[in-house]
All heavy atoms as atom14 arrays in JSON, in Angstrom:
{
  "sequence": "RPASEVSYTHTTLFRPPRNAAGAASRPSATASRYVNVPVAT",
  "atom14_mask": [
    [1, 1, 1, 1, 1, 1, 1, 1, 1, 1, 1, 0, 0, 0],
    [1, 1, 1, 1, 1, 1, 1, 0, 0, 0, 0, 0, 0, 0],
    [1, 1, 1, 1, 1, 0, 0, 0, 0, 0, 0, 0, 0, 0],
    [1, 1, 1, 1, 1, 1, 0, 0, 0, 0, 0, 0, 0, 0],
    [1, 1, 1, 1, 1, 1, 1, 1, 1, 0, 0, 0, 0, 0],
    [1, 1, 1, 1, 1, 1, 1, 0, 0, 0, 0, 0, 0, 0],
    [1, 1, 1, 1, 1, 1, 0, 0, 0, 0, 0, 0, 0, 0],
    [1, 1, 1, 1, 1, 1, 1, 1, 1, 1, 1, 1, 0, 0],
    [1, 1, 1, 1, 1, 1, 1, 0, 0, 0, 0, 0, 0, 0],
    [1, 1, 1, 1, 1, 1, 1, 1, 1, 1, 0, 0, 0, 0],
    [1, 1, 1, 1, 1, 1, 1, 0, 0, 0, 0, 0, 0, 0],
    [1, 1, 1, 1, 1, 1, 1, 0, 0, 0, 0, 0, 0, 0],
    [1, 1, 1, 1, 1, 1, 1, 1, 0, 0, 0, 0, 0, 0],
    [1, 1, 1, 1, 1, 1, 1, 1, 1, 1, 1, 0, 0, 0],
    [1, 1, 1, 1, 1, 1, 1, 1, 1, 1, 1, 0, 0, 0],
    [1, 1, 1, 1, 1, 1, 1, 0, 0, 0, 0, 0, 0, 0],
    [1, 1, 1, 1, 1, 1, 1, 0, 0, 0, 0, 0, 0, 0],
    [1, 1, 1, 1, 1, 1, 1, 1, 1, 1, 1, 0, 0, 0],
    [1, 1, 1, 1, 1, 1, 1, 1, 0, 0, 0, 0, 0, 0],
    [1, 1, 1, 1, 1, 0, 0, 0, 0, 0, 0, 0, 0, 0],
    [1, 1, 1, 1, 1, 0, 0, 0, 0, 0, 0, 0, 0, 0],
    [1, 1, 1, 1, 0, 0, 0, 0, 0, 0, 0, 0, 0, 0],
    [1, 1, 1, 1, 1, 0, 0, 0, 0, 0, 0, 0, 0, 0],
    [1, 1, 1, 1, 1, 0, 0, 0, 0, 0, 0, 0, 0, 0],
    [1, 1, 1, 1, 1, 1, 0, 0, 0, 0, 0, 0, 0, 0],
    [1, 1, 1, 1, 1, 1, 1, 1, 1, 1, 1, 0, 0, 0],
    [1, 1, 1, 1, 1, 1, 1, 0, 0, 0, 0, 0, 0, 0],
    [1, 1, 1, 1, 1, 1, 0, 0, 0, 0, 0, 0, 0, 0],
    [1, 1, 1, 1, 1, 0, 0, 0, 0, 0, 0, 0, 0, 0],
    [1, 1, 1, 1, 1, 1, 1, 0, 0, 0, 0, 0, 0, 0],
    [1, 1, 1, 1, 1, 0, 0, 0, 0, 0, 0, 0, 0, 0],
    [1, 1, 1, 1, 1, 1, 0, 0, 0, 0, 0, 0, 0, 0],
    [1, 1, 1, 1, 1, 1, 1, 1, 1, 1, 1, 0, 0, 0],
    [1, 1, 1, 1, 1, 1, 1, 1, 1, 1, 1, 1, 0, 0],
    [1, 1, 1, 1, 1, 1, 1, 0, 0, 0, 0, 0, 0, 0],
    [1, 1, 1, 1, 1, 1, 1, 1, 0, 0, 0, 0, 0, 0],
    [1, 1, 1, 1, 1, 1, 1, 0, 0, 0, 0, 0, 0, 0],
    [1, 1, 1, 1, 1, 1, 1, 0, 0, 0, 0, 0, 0, 0],
    [1, 1, 1, 1, 1, 1, 1, 0, 0, 0, 0, 0, 0, 0],
    [1, 1, 1, 1, 1, 0, 0, 0, 0, 0, 0, 0, 0, 0],
    [1, 1, 1, 1, 1, 1, 1, 0, 0, 0, 0, 0, 0, 0]
  ],
  "atom14_positions": [
    [[-26.63, 100.6, 72.6], [-25.91, 101.89, 72.48], [-25.95, 102.55, 73.78], [-26.66, 102.18, 74.75], [-26.63, 102.72, 71.38], [-28.04, 103.19, 71.73], [-28.7, 103.81, 70.48], [-27.9, 104.78, 69.84], [-27.8, 104.88, 68.5], [-28.62, 104.07, 67.72], [-27.06, 105.74, 67.91], [0.0, 0.0, 0.0], [0.0, 0.0, 0.0], [0.0, 0.0, 0.0]],
    [[-25.18, 103.63, 73.97], [-25.16, 104.39, 75.28], [-26.55, 104.85, 75.63], [-27.36, 105.25, 74.8], [-24.27, 105.56, 74.96], [-23.34, 105.13, 73.87], [-24.19, 104.19, 73.0], [0.0, 0.0, 0.0], [0.0, 0.0, 0.0], [0.0, 0.0, 0.0], [0.0, 0.0, 0.0], [0.0, 0.0, 0.0], [0.0, 0.0, 0.0], [0.0, 0.0, 0.0]],
    [[-26.83, 104.84, 76.98], [-28.13, 105.17, 77.44], [-28.51, 106.59, 77.05], [-29.73, 106.86, 76.81], [-28.1, 105.06, 78.97], [0.0, 0.0, 0.0], [0.0, 0.0, 0.0], [0.0, 0.0, 0.0], [0.0, 0.0, 0.0], [0.0, 0.0, 0.0], [0.0, 0.0, 0.0], [0.0, 0.0, 0.0], [0.0, 0.0, 0.0], [0.0, 0.0, 0.0]],
    [[-27.59, 107.51, 76.89], [-27.82, 108.87, 76.53], [-28.36, 109.01, 75.09], [-28.9, 110.02, 74.69], [-26.61, 109.72, 76.71], [-25.55, 109.27, 75.87], [0.0, 0.0, 0.0], [0.0, 0.0, 0.0], [0.0, 0.0, 0.0], [0.0, 0.0, 0.0], [0.0, 0.0, 0.0], [0.0, 0.0, 0.0], [0.0, 0.0, 0.0], [0.0, 0.0, 0.0]],
    [[-28.13, 107.95, 74.28], [-28.54, 107.98, 72.9], [-29.8, 107.11, 72.59], [-30.34, 107.11, 71.47], [-27.41, 107.46, 71.98], [-26.15, 108.31, 72.0], [-25.08, 107.73, 71.07], [-25.37, 106.76, 70.32], [-23.99, 108.27, 71.12], [0.0, 0.0, 0.0], [0.0, 0.0, 0.0], [0.0, 0.0, 0.0], [0.0, 0.0, 0.0], [0.0, 0.0, 0.0]],
    [[-30.33, 106.44, 73.6], [-31.43, 105.57, 73.39], [-32.69, 106.34, 73.18], [-33.0, 107.31, 73.96], [-31.61, 104.58, 74.61], [-32.92, 103.8, 74.46], [-30.44, 103.62, 74.7], [0.0, 0.0, 0.0], [0.0, 0.0, 0.0], [0.0, 0.0, 0.0], [0.0, 0.0, 0.0], [0.0, 0.0, 0.0], [0.0, 0.0, 0.0], [0.0, 0.0, 0.0]],
    [[-33.47, 106.01, 72.14], [-34.8, 106.65, 71.92], [-35.71, 105.65, 71.33], [-35.36, 104.48, 71.2], [-34.58, 107.89, 71.0], [-34.26, 107.44, 69.64], [0.0, 0.0, 0.0], [0.0, 0.0, 0.0], [0.0, 0.0, 0.0], [0.0, 0.0, 0.0], [0.0, 0.0, 0.0], [0.0, 0.0, 0.0], [0.0, 0.0, 0.0], [0.0, 0.0, 0.0]],
    [[-36.88, 106.09, 70.91], [-37.82, 105.2, 70.25], [-37.32, 104.79, 68.86], [-36.52, 105.53, 68.23], [-39.16, 105.94, 70.05], [-39.15, 107.15, 69.15], [-39.58, 106.92, 67.82], [-38.73, 108.36, 69.57], [-39.55, 108.04, 66.93], [-38.71, 109.48, 68.75], [-39.13, 109.33, 67.38], [-39.04, 110.34, 66.54], [0.0, 0.0, 0.0], [0.0, 0.0, 0.0]],
    [[-37.75, 103.64, 68.33], [-37.36, 103.2, 67.08], [-38.04, 104.08, 65.95], [-39.28, 104.25, 66.02], [-37.71, 101.75, 66.8], [-37.04, 100.9, 67.78], [-37.38, 101.27, 65.42], [0.0, 0.0, 0.0], [0.0, 0.0, 0.0], [0.0, 0.0, 0.0], [0.0, 0.0, 0.0], [0.0, 0.0, 0.0], [0.0, 0.0, 0.0], [0.0, 0.0, 0.0]],
    [[-37.25, 104.61, 65.05], [-37.88, 105.54, 64.03], [-37.22, 105.35, 62.7], [-36.1, 104.75, 62.57], [-37.76, 106.95, 64.47], [-36.32, 107.39, 64.66], [-35.46, 107.65, 63.58], [-35.6, 107.63, 65.8], [-34.29, 108.09, 64.07], [-34.33, 108.05, 65.38], [0.0, 0.0, 0.0], [0.0, 0.0, 0.0], [0.0, 0.0, 0.0], [0.0, 0.0, 0.0]],
    [[-37.87, 105.75, 61.64], [-37.31, 105.79, 60.28], [-36.62, 107.1, 60.1], [-36.33, 107.83, 61.13], [-38.49, 105.63, 59.26], [-39.4, 106.67, 59.43], [-39.18, 104.25, 59.45], [0.0, 0.0, 0.0], [0.0, 0.0, 0.0], [0.0, 0.0, 0.0], [0.0, 0.0, 0.0], [0.0, 0.0, 0.0], [0.0, 0.0, 0.0], [0.0, 0.0, 0.0]],
    [[-36.34, 107.47, 58.88], [-35.62, 108.74, 58.62], [-36.44, 109.92, 59.07], [-37.67, 110.04, 58.87], [-35.39, 108.85, 57.11], [-34.71, 107.66, 56.67], [-34.55, 110.11, 56.79], [0.0, 0.0, 0.0], [0.0, 0.0, 0.0], [0.0, 0.0, 0.0], [0.0, 0.0, 0.0], [0.0, 0.0, 0.0], [0.0, 0.0, 0.0], [0.0, 0.0, 0.0]],
    [[-35.72, 110.81, 59.76], [-36.4, 112.08, 60.36], [-35.9, 113.25, 59.52], [-34.76, 113.76, 59.64], [-35.96, 112.24, 61.76], [-36.25, 111.09, 62.76], [-35.7, 111.34, 64.12], [-37.77, 110.83, 62.86], [0.0, 0.0, 0.0], [0.0, 0.0, 0.0], [0.0, 0.0, 0.0], [0.0, 0.0, 0.0], [0.0, 0.0, 0.0], [0.0, 0.0, 0.0]],
    [[-36.74, 113.84, 58.66], [-36.41, 115.0, 57.87], [-36.72, 116.23, 58.71], [-37.72, 116.38, 59.4], [-37.21, 115.01, 56.58], [-36.75, 113.96, 55.58], [-37.33, 112.74, 55.57], [-35.65, 114.25, 54.74], [-36.9, 111.78, 54.64], [-35.23, 113.25, 53.86], [-35.85, 112.03, 53.79], [0.0, 0.0, 0.0], [0.0, 0.0, 0.0], [0.0, 0.0, 0.0]],
    [[-35.76, 117.24, 58.64], [-35.92, 118.43, 59.43], [-35.46, 119.64, 58.54], [-34.38, 119.67, 58.07], [-35.01, 118.36, 60.66], [-35.39, 117.38, 61.68], [-36.67, 117.77, 62.45], [-37.0, 116.89, 63.53], [-37.78, 115.79, 63.4], [-38.28, 115.49, 62.21], [-38.0, 115.0, 64.4], [0.0, 0.0, 0.0], [0.0, 0.0, 0.0], [0.0, 0.0, 0.0]],
    [[-36.35, 120.67, 58.38], [-35.95, 121.91, 57.7], [-35.12, 122.78, 58.56], [-35.26, 122.74, 59.79], [-37.31, 122.52, 57.38], [-38.19, 122.07, 58.5], [-37.75, 120.7, 58.85], [0.0, 0.0, 0.0], [0.0, 0.0, 0.0], [0.0, 0.0, 0.0], [0.0, 0.0, 0.0], [0.0, 0.0, 0.0], [0.0, 0.0, 0.0], [0.0, 0.0, 0.0]],
    [[-34.24, 123.57, 58.05], [-33.49, 124.57, 58.81], [-34.42, 125.53, 59.56], [-35.48, 125.93, 58.96], [-32.62, 125.29, 57.77], [-32.56, 124.36, 56.65], [-33.89, 123.65, 56.61], [0.0, 0.0, 0.0], [0.0, 0.0, 0.0], [0.0, 0.0, 0.0], [0.0, 0.0, 0.0], [0.0, 0.0, 0.0], [0.0, 0.0, 0.0], [0.0, 0.0, 0.0]],
    [[-34.05, 125.9, 60.77], [-34.91, 126.83, 61.51], [-34.65, 128.27, 61.09], [-35.51, 129.16, 61.27], [-34.68, 126.7, 63.02], [-35.13, 125.36, 63.57], [-35.11, 125.36, 65.06], [-35.62, 124.08, 65.57], [-35.78, 123.81, 66.89], [-35.4, 124.65, 67.74], [-36.22, 122.61, 67.22], [0.0, 0.0, 0.0], [0.0, 0.0, 0.0], [0.0, 0.0, 0.0]],
    [[-33.51, 128.52, 60.53], [-33.24, 129.85, 60.0], [-33.98, 129.95, 58.62], [-33.75, 129.15, 57.76], [-31.74, 130.07, 59.77], [-31.38, 131.41, 59.27], [-32.1, 132.04, 58.57], [-30.22, 131.87, 59.73], [0.0, 0.0, 0.0], [0.0, 0.0, 0.0], [0.0, 0.0, 0.0], [0.0, 0.0, 0.0], [0.0, 0.0, 0.0], [0.0, 0.0, 0.0]],
    [[-34.89, 130.92, 58.54], [-35.7, 131.03, 57.35], [-34.82, 131.21, 56.09], [-35.19, 130.78, 54.98], [-36.66, 132.2, 57.51], [0.0, 0.0, 0.0], [0.0, 0.0, 0.0], [0.0, 0.0, 0.0], [0.0, 0.0, 0.0], [0.0, 0.0, 0.0], [0.0, 0.0, 0.0], [0.0, 0.0, 0.0], [0.0, 0.0, 0.0], [0.0, 0.0, 0.0]],
    [[-33.7, 131.91, 56.26], [-32.88, 132.09, 55.09], [-32.16, 130.85, 54.66], [-31.71, 130.73, 53.46], [-31.8, 133.24, 55.43], [0.0, 0.0, 0.0], [0.0, 0.0, 0.0], [0.0, 0.0, 0.0], [0.0, 0.0, 0.0], [0.0, 0.0, 0.0], [0.0, 0.0, 0.0], [0.0, 0.0, 0.0], [0.0, 0.0, 0.0], [0.0, 0.0, 0.0]],
    [[-31.95, 129.94, 55.53], [-31.32, 128.67, 55.17], [-29.88, 128.8, 54.77], [-28.92, 128.52, 55.5], [0.0, 0.0, 0.0], [0.0, 0.0, 0.0], [0.0, 0.0, 0.0], [0.0, 0.0, 0.0], [0.0, 0.0, 0.0], [0.0, 0.0, 0.0], [0.0, 0.0, 0.0], [0.0, 0.0, 0.0], [0.0, 0.0, 0.0], [0.0, 0.0, 0.0]],
    [[-29.61, 129.36, 53.61], [-28.25, 129.42, 53.08], [-27.41, 130.29, 53.93], [-26.14, 130.15, 54.0], [-28.28, 129.92, 51.63], [0.0, 0.0, 0.0], [0.0, 0.0, 0.0], [0.0, 0.0, 0.0], [0.0, 0.0, 0.0], [0.0, 0.0, 0.0], [0.0, 0.0, 0.0], [0.0, 0.0, 0.0], [0.0, 0.0, 0.0], [0.0, 0.0, 0.0]],
    [[-27.94, 131.32, 54.61], [-27.21, 132.19, 55.51], [-26.52, 131.45, 56.58], [-25.55, 131.94, 57.19], [-28.07, 133.31, 56.01], [0.0, 0.0, 0.0], [0.0, 0.0, 0.0], [0.0, 0.0, 0.0], [0.0, 0.0, 0.0], [0.0, 0.0, 0.0], [0.0, 0.0, 0.0], [0.0, 0.0, 0.0], [0.0, 0.0, 0.0], [0.0, 0.0, 0.0]],
    [[-27.01, 130.27, 56.96], [-26.45, 129.54, 58.06], [-25.37, 128.59, 57.59], [-24.83, 127.81, 58.4], [-27.56, 128.7, 58.71], [-28.54, 129.58, 59.33], [0.0, 0.0, 0.0], [0.0, 0.0, 0.0], [0.0, 0.0, 0.0], [0.0, 0.0, 0.0], [0.0, 0.0, 0.0], [0.0, 0.0, 0.0], [0.0, 0.0, 0.0], [0.0, 0.0, 0.0]],
    [[-24.99, 128.6, 56.37], [-24.03, 127.66, 55.79], [-22.67, 128.26, 55.77], [-22.5, 129.45, 55.55], [-24.41, 127.23, 54.43], [-25.74, 126.39, 54.35], [-26.16, 126.19, 52.89], [-27.36, 125.38, 52.91], [-28.12, 125.22, 51.82], [-27.78, 125.75, 50.7], [-29.17, 124.49, 51.86], [0.0, 0.0, 0.0], [0.0, 0.0, 0.0], [0.0, 0.0, 0.0]],
    [[-21.6, 127.49, 55.95], [-20.29, 127.99, 55.89], [-19.89, 128.33, 54.44], [-20.41, 127.72, 53.57], [-19.4, 126.85, 56.49], [-20.19, 125.59, 56.15], [-21.63, 126.03, 56.3], [0.0, 0.0, 0.0], [0.0, 0.0, 0.0], [0.0, 0.0, 0.0], [0.0, 0.0, 0.0], [0.0, 0.0, 0.0], [0.0, 0.0, 0.0], [0.0, 0.0, 0.0]],
    [[-19.0, 129.29, 54.28], [-18.64, 129.67, 52.94], [-17.57, 128.76, 52.37], [-17.41, 128.62, 51.2], [-18.01, 131.09, 52.93], [-16.93, 131.2, 53.84], [0.0, 0.0, 0.0], [0.0, 0.0, 0.0], [0.0, 0.0, 0.0], [0.0, 0.0, 0.0], [0.0, 0.0, 0.0], [0.0, 0.0, 0.0], [0.0, 0.0, 0.0], [0.0, 0.0, 0.0]],
    [[-16.83, 128.06, 53.25], [-15.75, 127.18, 52.79], [-16.2, 125.71, 52.87], [-17.07, 125.32, 53.65], [-14.53, 127.34, 53.64], [0.0, 0.0, 0.0], [0.0, 0.0, 0.0], [0.0, 0.0, 0.0], [0.0, 0.0, 0.0], [0.0, 0.0, 0.0], [0.0, 0.0, 0.0], [0.0, 0.0, 0.0], [0.0, 0.0, 0.0], [0.0, 0.0, 0.0]],
    [[-15.63, 124.92, 52.0], [-15.91, 123.51, 51.93], [-14.88, 122.72, 52.74], [-13.66, 123.09, 52.72], [-15.87, 123.0, 50.45], [-16.94, 123.68, 49.76], [-16.11, 121.47, 50.39], [0.0, 0.0, 0.0], [0.0, 0.0, 0.0], [0.0, 0.0, 0.0], [0.0, 0.0, 0.0], [0.0, 0.0, 0.0], [0.0, 0.0, 0.0], [0.0, 0.0, 0.0]],
    [[-15.35, 121.73, 53.51], [-14.4, 120.87, 54.21], [-13.37, 120.28, 53.32], [-13.73, 119.89, 52.19], [-15.13, 119.81, 54.96], [0.0, 0.0, 0.0], [0.0, 0.0, 0.0], [0.0, 0.0, 0.0], [0.0, 0.0, 0.0], [0.0, 0.0, 0.0], [0.0, 0.0, 0.0], [0.0, 0.0, 0.0], [0.0, 0.0, 0.0], [0.0, 0.0, 0.0]],
    [[-12.14, 120.14, 53.7], [-11.08, 119.75, 52.8], [-10.36, 118.44, 53.23], [-9.54, 117.96, 52.47], [-9.98, 120.85, 52.65], [-9.47, 121.12, 53.92], [0.0, 0.0, 0.0], [0.0, 0.0, 0.0], [0.0, 0.0, 0.0], [0.0, 0.0, 0.0], [0.0, 0.0, 0.0], [0.0, 0.0, 0.0], [0.0, 0.0, 0.0], [0.0, 0.0, 0.0]],
    [[-10.72, 117.86, 54.37], [-10.01, 116.65, 54.79], [-10.65, 115.48, 54.07], [-11.84, 115.37, 53.88], [-10.13, 116.47, 56.27], [-9.36, 117.53, 57.05], [-9.4, 117.21, 58.55], [-10.72, 117.3, 59.08], [-11.06, 116.93, 60.27], [-10.15, 116.45, 61.1], [-12.31, 117.04, 60.71], [0.0, 0.0, 0.0], [0.0, 0.0, 0.0], [0.0, 0.0, 0.0]],
    [[-9.83, 114.47, 53.63], [-10.31, 113.37, 52.92], [-9.47, 112.16, 53.17], [-8.35, 112.22, 53.73], [-10.42, 113.71, 51.42], [-9.1, 114.1, 50.8], [-8.31, 113.05, 50.2], [-8.65, 115.39, 50.83], [-7.05, 113.44, 49.66], [-7.39, 115.72, 50.24], [-6.62, 114.74, 49.66], [-5.43, 115.09, 49.11], [0.0, 0.0, 0.0], [0.0, 0.0, 0.0]],
    [[-9.9, 111.03, 52.67], [-9.19, 109.78, 52.78], [-8.91, 109.28, 51.39], [-9.76, 109.26, 50.5], [-10.03, 108.72, 53.48], [-9.32, 107.42, 53.53], [-10.28, 109.2, 54.94], [0.0, 0.0, 0.0], [0.0, 0.0, 0.0], [0.0, 0.0, 0.0], [0.0, 0.0, 0.0], [0.0, 0.0, 0.0], [0.0, 0.0, 0.0], [0.0, 0.0, 0.0]],
    [[-7.67, 108.87, 51.14], [-7.31, 108.26, 49.84], [-7.46, 106.78, 49.97], [-6.73, 106.1, 50.74], [-5.83, 108.6, 49.44], [-5.74, 110.06, 48.98], [-6.62, 110.54, 48.28], [-4.72, 110.75, 49.39], [0.0, 0.0, 0.0], [0.0, 0.0, 0.0], [0.0, 0.0, 0.0], [0.0, 0.0, 0.0], [0.0, 0.0, 0.0], [0.0, 0.0, 0.0]],
    [[-8.35, 106.18, 49.17], [-8.59, 104.76, 49.16], [-8.56, 104.27, 47.73], [-9.25, 104.84, 46.89], [-9.94, 104.39, 49.85], [-10.16, 102.94, 49.84], [-10.04, 104.95, 51.22], [0.0, 0.0, 0.0], [0.0, 0.0, 0.0], [0.0, 0.0, 0.0], [0.0, 0.0, 0.0], [0.0, 0.0, 0.0], [0.0, 0.0, 0.0], [0.0, 0.0, 0.0]],
    [[-7.79, 103.2, 47.37], [-7.83, 102.7, 46.03], [-9.18, 102.17, 45.64], [-9.74, 101.36, 46.46], [-6.72, 101.63, 46.03], [-6.59, 101.19, 47.39], [-6.85, 102.45, 48.24], [0.0, 0.0, 0.0], [0.0, 0.0, 0.0], [0.0, 0.0, 0.0], [0.0, 0.0, 0.0], [0.0, 0.0, 0.0], [0.0, 0.0, 0.0], [0.0, 0.0, 0.0]],
    [[-9.76, 102.54, 44.56], [-11.05, 102.16, 44.17], [-10.99, 101.5, 42.75], [-10.34, 101.96, 41.88], [-12.02, 103.32, 44.15], [-13.39, 102.91, 43.62], [-12.16, 103.91, 45.54], [0.0, 0.0, 0.0], [0.0, 0.0, 0.0], [0.0, 0.0, 0.0], [0.0, 0.0, 0.0], [0.0, 0.0, 0.0], [0.0, 0.0, 0.0], [0.0, 0.0, 0.0]],
    [[-11.7, 100.43, 42.6], [-11.72, 99.74, 41.31], [-12.34, 100.64, 40.23], [-13.27, 101.44, 40.51], [-12.55, 98.44, 41.39], [0.0, 0.0, 0.0], [0.0, 0.0, 0.0], [0.0, 0.0, 0.0], [0.0, 0.0, 0.0], [0.0, 0.0, 0.0], [0.0, 0.0, 0.0], [0.0, 0.0, 0.0], [0.0, 0.0, 0.0], [0.0, 0.0, 0.0]],
    [[-11.92, 100.51, 39.03], [-12.38, 101.32, 37.92], [-13.76, 100.97, 37.4], [-14.53, 101.84, 37.01], [-11.41, 101.35, 36.75], [-11.09, 99.98, 36.36], [-10.09, 102.06, 37.15], [0.0, 0.0, 0.0], [0.0, 0.0, 0.0], [0.0, 0.0, 0.0], [0.0, 0.0, 0.0], [0.0, 0.0, 0.0], [0.0, 0.0, 0.0], [0.0, 0.0, 0.0]]
  ]
}
């Protein structure tokens, strides 16, 4: 991978929001772009 992205090998890194309110840092609108792909039933 690019040198700027190289780091130590790790598992999943969980991180809590730094804003104590949490929800206050979230956008009010939901992203609306999507992909239509045929999917088996």
